Amino acid sequence: MPGYLEQLTIRLTEGVGRLPTKKRTRHAKYILSHQRDDGGFSGREGESDLYYTSFALRSLAITGELYGTVAERAAKFLTDRLTGRESIVDFLSLIYSASLLDVSAGIDIFSDATAGWQDNVAAALEKLRRNDGGYAKGEEGQASSTYHTFLVLLCLELIDRPIQEPERIVAFIQSQRAEEGGFREIKASKRAGTNPTAAAIGALRILDALDSESRESTLDLLVEMQTDEGGLRANTRIPIADLLSTFTGLLTLMDLDGVDEIEVDHLPRFVRSLEGDEGGFHGAAWDPACDVEYSFYGLGCLALLANLKNTL
């Protein structure tokens, strides 16, 4: 059975396929125009990095444009980063990007890797485990993170390695539930947020441990996150919506069969308001510039909405 990210890629590909060809092509061209000489992609400034390259390749994969020279150049960039010491975020970006290249273009950047490299990666990830059952951001980190625990689970799925002591991870995720609904990022957080809540639900789904209490707690939070703009905000202290929170919130609502809890008809207006004239998306009303990360979230929102419309 496909893992979490593989299933998501399939869903988004199906949704993007339902978009008008002109719209799909415009956004794909925007992403393609941002590939750098080294084959990677960058944020709004600086050099290519794994994080932004991953978002660009995800967009190209779901629009059917990850093949040929573009894929070969991206593979060269990823291969050059194989010997680096990466954070868990960048490592997931590397592993997921490699998976996309393998599926979309038939390029295996790990073909010459040392036998057993997956076991070495799994052992390195386990060093991030903390006493409460969750995983920290890095080896020096003391606090378990809802988001980084989710990332570890995604990495283990992608390298096809078993999850150690899953019951402890479930206990940690459940301990992150906030009284007002949803889940916190770390125990010291004073309130829940849309994105850590999405990560928590994703983790519980991977572990087959999603219960009715977690579902209801999440719906209680996400209902409060929709703004007059139509999108979802990151938490109750932030007054405006953004594309990241809208994407993760909508995905979570769909996974929980709870889309009817919000004004879903207002979402397309918000997403369209952030489209760039030449393709791409910017992140929020206050943000004038597009980039490859938010362009993925914008495409992802359009894809989810297209799938939702198709089921109604």
Protein backbone atom coordinates (compact mmCIF):
# COMPACT_ATOMS: atom_id res chain seq x y z
CA MET A 1 0.00 0.00 0.00
CA PRO A 2 1.40 3.44 -0.89
CA GLY A 3 2.66 5.51 2.04
CA TYR A 4 1.30 8.85 3.17
CA LEU A 5 3.30 11.02 0.75
CA GLU A 6 2.76 8.68 -2.20
CA GLN A 7 -1.00 8.73 -1.60
CA LEU A 8 -0.95 12.52 -1.32
CA THR A 9 0.99 12.85 -4.57
CA ILE A 10 -1.57 10.67 -6.33
CA ARG A 11 -4.46 12.74 -4.97
CA LEU A 12 -2.86 16.02 -5.99
CA THR A 13 -1.97 14.70 -9.44
CA GLU A 14 -5.58 13.69 -9.98
CA GLY A 15 -6.78 17.11 -8.83
CA VAL A 16 -4.32 19.07 -10.97
CA GLY A 17 -5.45 16.97 -13.92
CA ARG A 18 -8.93 18.38 -13.44
CA LEU A 19 -7.72 22.00 -13.73
CA PRO A 20 -7.95 23.92 -17.01
CA THR A 21 -4.92 23.17 -19.18
CA LYS A 22 -4.01 26.85 -19.46
CA LYS A 23 -3.87 27.27 -15.68
CA ARG A 24 -1.90 24.07 -15.14
CA THR A 25 0.61 25.02 -17.84
CA ARG A 26 1.09 28.57 -16.55
CA HIS A 27 2.00 27.40 -13.05
CA ALA A 28 4.26 24.62 -14.35
CA LYS A 29 6.14 27.14 -16.50
CA TYR A 30 6.63 29.36 -13.45
CA ILE A 31 8.27 26.49 -11.56
CA LEU A 32 10.40 25.44 -14.53
CA SER A 33 11.67 28.99 -14.96
CA HIS A 34 13.16 28.88 -11.46
CA GLN A 35 15.48 25.91 -11.94
CA ARG A 36 19.04 27.12 -11.40
CA ASP A 37 22.24 26.23 -13.22
CA ASP A 38 23.11 23.57 -10.63
CA GLY A 39 19.78 21.80 -11.21
CA GLY A 40 18.26 22.80 -7.87
CA PHE A 41 15.80 25.45 -6.82
CA SER A 42 16.10 28.22 -4.26
CA GLY A 43 13.86 30.43 -2.19
CA ARG A 44 13.53 34.12 -2.95
CA GLU A 45 17.24 34.62 -2.39
CA GLY A 46 20.36 32.56 -1.84
CA GLU A 47 21.59 29.36 -3.42
CA SER A 48 19.69 26.22 -4.33
CA ASP A 49 18.75 24.07 -1.37
CA LEU A 50 17.03 20.78 -0.71
CA TYR A 51 13.96 22.30 0.93
CA TYR A 52 12.90 24.49 -1.98
CA THR A 53 14.01 21.92 -4.54
CA SER A 54 11.63 19.43 -2.96
CA PHE A 55 8.68 21.80 -3.32
CA ALA A 56 9.57 22.56 -6.93
CA LEU A 57 9.84 18.87 -7.81
CA ARG A 58 6.54 18.13 -6.07
CA SER A 59 4.85 20.76 -8.24
CA LEU A 60 6.49 19.46 -11.39
CA ALA A 61 5.51 15.88 -10.52
CA ILE A 62 1.82 16.68 -10.03
CA THR A 63 1.72 18.77 -13.22
CA GLY A 64 3.39 16.01 -15.24
CA GLU A 65 6.53 18.03 -15.99
CA LEU A 66 9.14 16.09 -14.03
CA TYR A 67 11.02 14.29 -16.80
CA GLY A 68 13.81 14.67 -19.34
CA THR A 69 16.49 17.31 -18.92
CA VAL A 70 14.72 19.00 -16.01
CA ALA A 71 14.72 15.73 -14.04
CA GLU A 72 18.31 14.89 -14.99
CA ARG A 73 19.56 18.28 -13.82
CA ALA A 74 17.63 17.95 -10.56
CA ALA A 75 19.10 14.48 -10.04
CA LYS A 76 22.60 15.91 -10.41
CA PHE A 77 21.86 18.49 -7.71
CA LEU A 78 20.47 15.86 -5.34
CA THR A 79 23.35 13.47 -5.98
CA ASP A 80 25.83 16.19 -5.09
CA ARG A 81 24.10 16.53 -1.70
CA LEU A 82 24.17 12.85 -0.76
CA THR A 83 27.35 13.13 1.28
CA GLY A 84 26.24 16.18 3.26
CA ARG A 85 25.02 16.19 6.84
CA GLU A 86 21.46 17.43 6.63
CA SER A 87 18.74 18.44 9.08
CA ILE A 88 15.71 16.18 9.26
CA VAL A 89 13.72 18.69 7.16
CA ASP A 90 16.36 18.70 4.43
CA PHE A 91 16.84 14.95 4.67
CA LEU A 92 13.12 14.35 4.12
CA SER A 93 13.31 16.79 1.21
CA LEU A 94 16.18 14.76 -0.28
CA ILE A 95 14.51 11.38 0.20
CA TYR A 96 11.15 12.56 -1.11
CA SER A 97 12.70 14.33 -4.09
CA ALA A 98 14.59 11.16 -4.93
CA SER A 99 11.35 9.17 -4.74
CA LEU A 100 9.62 11.61 -7.10
CA LEU A 101 12.47 11.37 -9.62
CA ASP A 102 12.38 7.58 -9.47
CA VAL A 103 8.62 7.40 -10.05
CA SER A 104 8.30 10.27 -12.55
CA ALA A 105 11.52 9.96 -14.54
CA GLY A 106 12.98 6.55 -13.72
CA ILE A 107 16.09 8.08 -12.14
CA ASP A 108 17.45 6.34 -9.03
CA ILE A 109 19.99 8.58 -7.31
CA PHE A 110 20.64 5.87 -4.70
CA SER A 111 21.65 3.22 -7.24
CA ASP A 112 25.29 3.39 -6.14
CA ALA A 113 24.60 3.84 -2.42
CA THR A 114 26.22 1.50 0.09
CA ALA A 115 24.12 -1.55 0.93
CA GLY A 116 22.14 -1.06 4.12
CA TRP A 117 22.05 2.72 3.90
CA GLN A 118 18.38 2.66 4.85
CA ASP A 119 19.20 0.94 8.15
CA ASN A 120 21.85 3.56 8.87
CA VAL A 121 19.34 6.33 8.21
CA ALA A 122 16.74 4.70 10.47
CA ALA A 123 19.32 4.40 13.25
CA ALA A 124 20.25 8.07 12.86
CA LEU A 125 16.60 9.09 13.05
CA GLU A 126 16.16 7.07 16.22
CA LYS A 127 18.80 9.24 17.89
CA LEU A 128 16.24 12.04 17.79
CA ARG A 129 13.85 10.06 20.02
CA ARG A 130 13.14 11.59 23.41
CA ASN A 131 11.85 10.08 26.65
CA ASP A 132 8.25 11.13 25.94
CA GLY A 133 8.18 8.98 22.81
CA GLY A 134 8.38 11.84 20.29
CA TYR A 135 11.28 13.09 18.20
CA ALA A 136 13.23 16.33 18.49
CA LYS A 137 14.32 18.65 15.70
CA GLY A 138 17.97 17.67 16.07
CA GLU A 139 20.30 15.63 18.25
CA GLU A 140 20.92 18.61 20.52
CA GLY A 141 17.22 19.37 20.92
CA GLN A 142 15.62 18.60 24.25
CA ALA A 143 11.93 18.97 23.36
CA SER A 144 9.97 16.59 21.18
CA SER A 145 8.22 18.25 18.27
CA THR A 146 4.87 17.25 16.78
CA TYR A 147 6.03 18.34 13.32
CA HIS A 148 9.41 16.62 13.44
CA THR A 149 7.84 13.44 14.82
CA PHE A 150 5.62 13.45 11.75
CA LEU A 151 8.68 13.99 9.53
CA VAL A 152 10.46 11.00 11.06
CA LEU A 153 7.45 8.81 10.29
CA LEU A 154 7.40 10.07 6.71
CA CYS A 155 11.12 9.35 6.32
CA LEU A 156 10.73 5.82 7.66
CA GLU A 157 7.90 5.15 5.21
CA LEU A 158 9.94 6.45 2.29
CA ILE A 159 12.96 4.25 3.11
CA ASP A 160 10.69 1.29 3.91
CA ARG A 161 11.85 0.80 7.47
CA PRO A 162 9.65 -0.15 10.46
CA ILE A 163 8.49 2.36 13.05
CA GLN A 164 9.98 1.58 16.44
CA GLU A 165 7.66 1.53 19.48
CA PRO A 166 4.70 3.15 17.71
CA GLU A 167 2.62 3.15 20.88
CA ARG A 168 5.05 5.62 22.47
CA ILE A 169 4.71 7.94 19.49
CA VAL A 170 0.92 7.79 19.74
CA ALA A 171 1.14 8.65 23.45
CA PHE A 172 3.35 11.64 22.66
CA ILE A 173 1.02 12.94 19.93
CA GLN A 174 -1.99 12.58 22.22
CA SER A 175 -0.14 14.48 24.94
CA GLN A 176 0.13 17.42 22.55
CA ARG A 177 -3.62 17.94 22.36
CA ALA A 178 -4.71 21.40 23.51
CA GLU A 179 -7.76 22.06 25.66
CA GLU A 180 -9.27 24.46 23.11
CA GLY A 181 -8.91 21.88 20.34
CA GLY A 182 -6.16 20.80 17.99
CA PHE A 183 -2.54 20.01 18.82
CA ARG A 184 0.50 21.97 19.95
CA GLU A 185 3.93 21.91 18.30
CA ILE A 186 5.86 21.49 21.57
CA LYS A 187 4.66 21.05 25.13
CA ALA A 188 5.70 24.59 26.05
CA SER A 189 3.42 26.08 23.38
CA LYS A 190 0.51 28.00 24.84
CA ARG A 191 -1.91 27.24 22.01
CA ALA A 192 -2.57 24.85 19.18
CA GLY A 193 -2.01 25.72 15.55
CA THR A 194 -3.31 24.62 12.17
CA ASN A 195 -0.01 23.17 10.96
CA PRO A 196 1.03 21.16 14.04
CA THR A 197 -2.54 19.89 14.18
CA ALA A 198 -2.28 18.71 10.57
CA ALA A 199 1.03 17.03 11.42
CA ALA A 200 -0.51 15.32 14.44
CA ILE A 201 -3.43 13.97 12.41
CA GLY A 202 -1.04 12.83 9.70
CA ALA A 203 1.06 10.98 12.26
CA LEU A 204 -1.98 9.32 13.83
CA ARG A 205 -3.18 8.23 10.39
CA ILE A 206 0.20 6.67 9.57
CA LEU A 207 0.11 4.85 12.92
CA ASP A 208 -3.53 3.80 12.41
CA ALA A 209 -4.35 5.44 15.74
CA LEU A 210 -6.81 8.19 14.79
CA ASP A 211 -9.72 8.18 17.23
CA SER A 212 -12.98 10.12 17.47
CA GLU A 213 -11.68 12.39 20.23
CA SER A 214 -8.73 13.49 18.13
CA ARG A 215 -11.05 14.08 15.17
CA GLU A 216 -13.48 16.21 17.14
CA SER A 217 -10.68 18.17 18.80
CA THR A 218 -9.20 18.94 15.41
CA LEU A 219 -12.49 20.04 13.89
CA ASP A 220 -13.08 22.33 16.87
CA LEU A 221 -9.81 24.11 16.10
CA LEU A 222 -10.00 24.27 12.31
CA VAL A 223 -13.46 25.80 12.33
CA GLU A 224 -11.96 28.74 14.21
CA MET A 225 -9.11 29.14 11.72
CA GLN A 226 -11.11 30.29 8.67
CA THR A 227 -11.02 34.05 8.19
CA ASP A 228 -13.25 36.43 6.26
CA GLU A 229 -10.77 36.11 3.36
CA GLY A 230 -11.90 32.50 2.94
CA GLY A 231 -8.59 30.84 3.77
CA LEU A 232 -7.28 29.41 7.03
CA ARG A 233 -4.80 31.07 9.40
CA ALA A 234 -1.98 29.49 11.36
CA ASN A 235 -3.38 30.16 14.85
CA THR A 236 -5.83 32.37 16.70
CA ARG A 237 -3.28 35.15 17.27
CA ILE A 238 -2.68 35.68 13.55
CA PRO A 239 -5.41 37.77 11.90
CA ILE A 240 -4.98 36.74 8.24
CA ALA A 241 -5.01 33.50 6.31
CA ASP A 242 -2.06 32.01 4.44
CA LEU A 243 -1.66 29.34 1.77
CA LEU A 244 0.35 26.92 3.90
CA SER A 245 -2.30 26.80 6.64
CA THR A 246 -5.08 26.71 4.07
CA PHE A 247 -3.52 23.71 2.33
CA THR A 248 -2.76 21.71 5.48
CA GLY A 249 -6.08 22.66 7.06
CA LEU A 250 -8.12 21.73 3.98
CA LEU A 251 -6.23 18.45 3.57
CA THR A 252 -6.88 17.57 7.20
CA LEU A 253 -10.56 18.49 6.97
CA MET A 254 -10.93 16.28 3.91
CA ASP A 255 -9.13 13.39 5.63
CA LEU A 256 -11.50 13.73 8.59
CA ASP A 257 -14.63 14.08 6.44
CA GLY A 258 -15.12 17.48 8.03
CA VAL A 259 -15.05 19.92 5.11
CA ASP A 260 -18.68 20.82 5.71
CA GLU A 261 -17.61 22.32 9.06
CA ILE A 262 -16.23 25.41 7.24
CA GLU A 263 -17.42 27.71 4.45
CA VAL A 264 -15.69 25.70 1.75
CA ASP A 265 -17.23 27.81 -1.04
CA HIS A 266 -15.10 30.74 0.16
CA LEU A 267 -11.80 28.90 -0.27
CA PRO A 268 -11.41 29.19 -4.08
CA ARG A 269 -11.71 32.98 -3.90
CA PHE A 270 -8.88 33.15 -1.39
CA VAL A 271 -6.59 30.85 -3.37
CA ARG A 272 -7.22 32.72 -6.63
CA SER A 273 -6.43 36.03 -4.94
CA LEU A 274 -2.85 34.84 -4.39
CA GLU A 275 -2.12 33.67 -7.95
CA GLY A 276 0.59 35.54 -9.81
CA ASP A 277 -0.21 36.88 -13.28
CA GLU A 278 2.72 34.95 -14.76
CA GLY A 279 2.12 31.84 -12.68
CA GLY A 280 3.08 30.90 -9.15
CA PHE A 281 1.53 31.94 -5.86
CA HIS A 282 2.43 34.21 -2.98
CA GLY A 283 1.77 33.19 0.56
CA ALA A 284 -0.69 35.71 1.98
CA ALA A 285 -2.30 39.08 1.36
CA TRP A 286 0.63 40.94 2.93
CA ASP A 287 3.18 39.00 0.86
CA PRO A 288 3.74 40.50 -2.63
CA ALA A 289 6.24 37.95 -3.99
CA CYS A 290 5.71 34.44 -5.35
CA ASP A 291 8.06 31.53 -4.66
CA VAL A 292 8.25 27.81 -5.39
CA GLU A 293 7.15 26.74 -1.90
CA TYR A 294 3.92 28.71 -1.85
CA SER A 295 3.34 27.82 -5.48
CA PHE A 296 3.16 24.18 -4.41
CA TYR A 297 0.68 25.04 -1.67
CA GLY A 298 -1.40 27.04 -4.14
CA LEU A 299 -1.42 24.21 -6.67
CA GLY A 300 -2.17 21.79 -3.85
CA CYS A 301 -5.18 23.83 -2.75
CA LEU A 302 -6.49 24.00 -6.31
CA ALA A 303 -6.03 20.25 -6.67
CA LEU A 304 -7.82 19.43 -3.42
CA LEU A 305 -10.68 21.77 -4.32
CA ALA A 306 -10.96 20.19 -7.78
CA ASN A 307 -11.14 16.72 -6.20
CA LEU A 308 -13.71 17.95 -3.71
CA LYS A 309 -15.86 19.47 -6.44
CA ASN A 310 -15.67 16.21 -8.37
CA THR A 311 -17.10 14.27 -5.41
CA LEU A 312 -20.01 16.61 -4.70
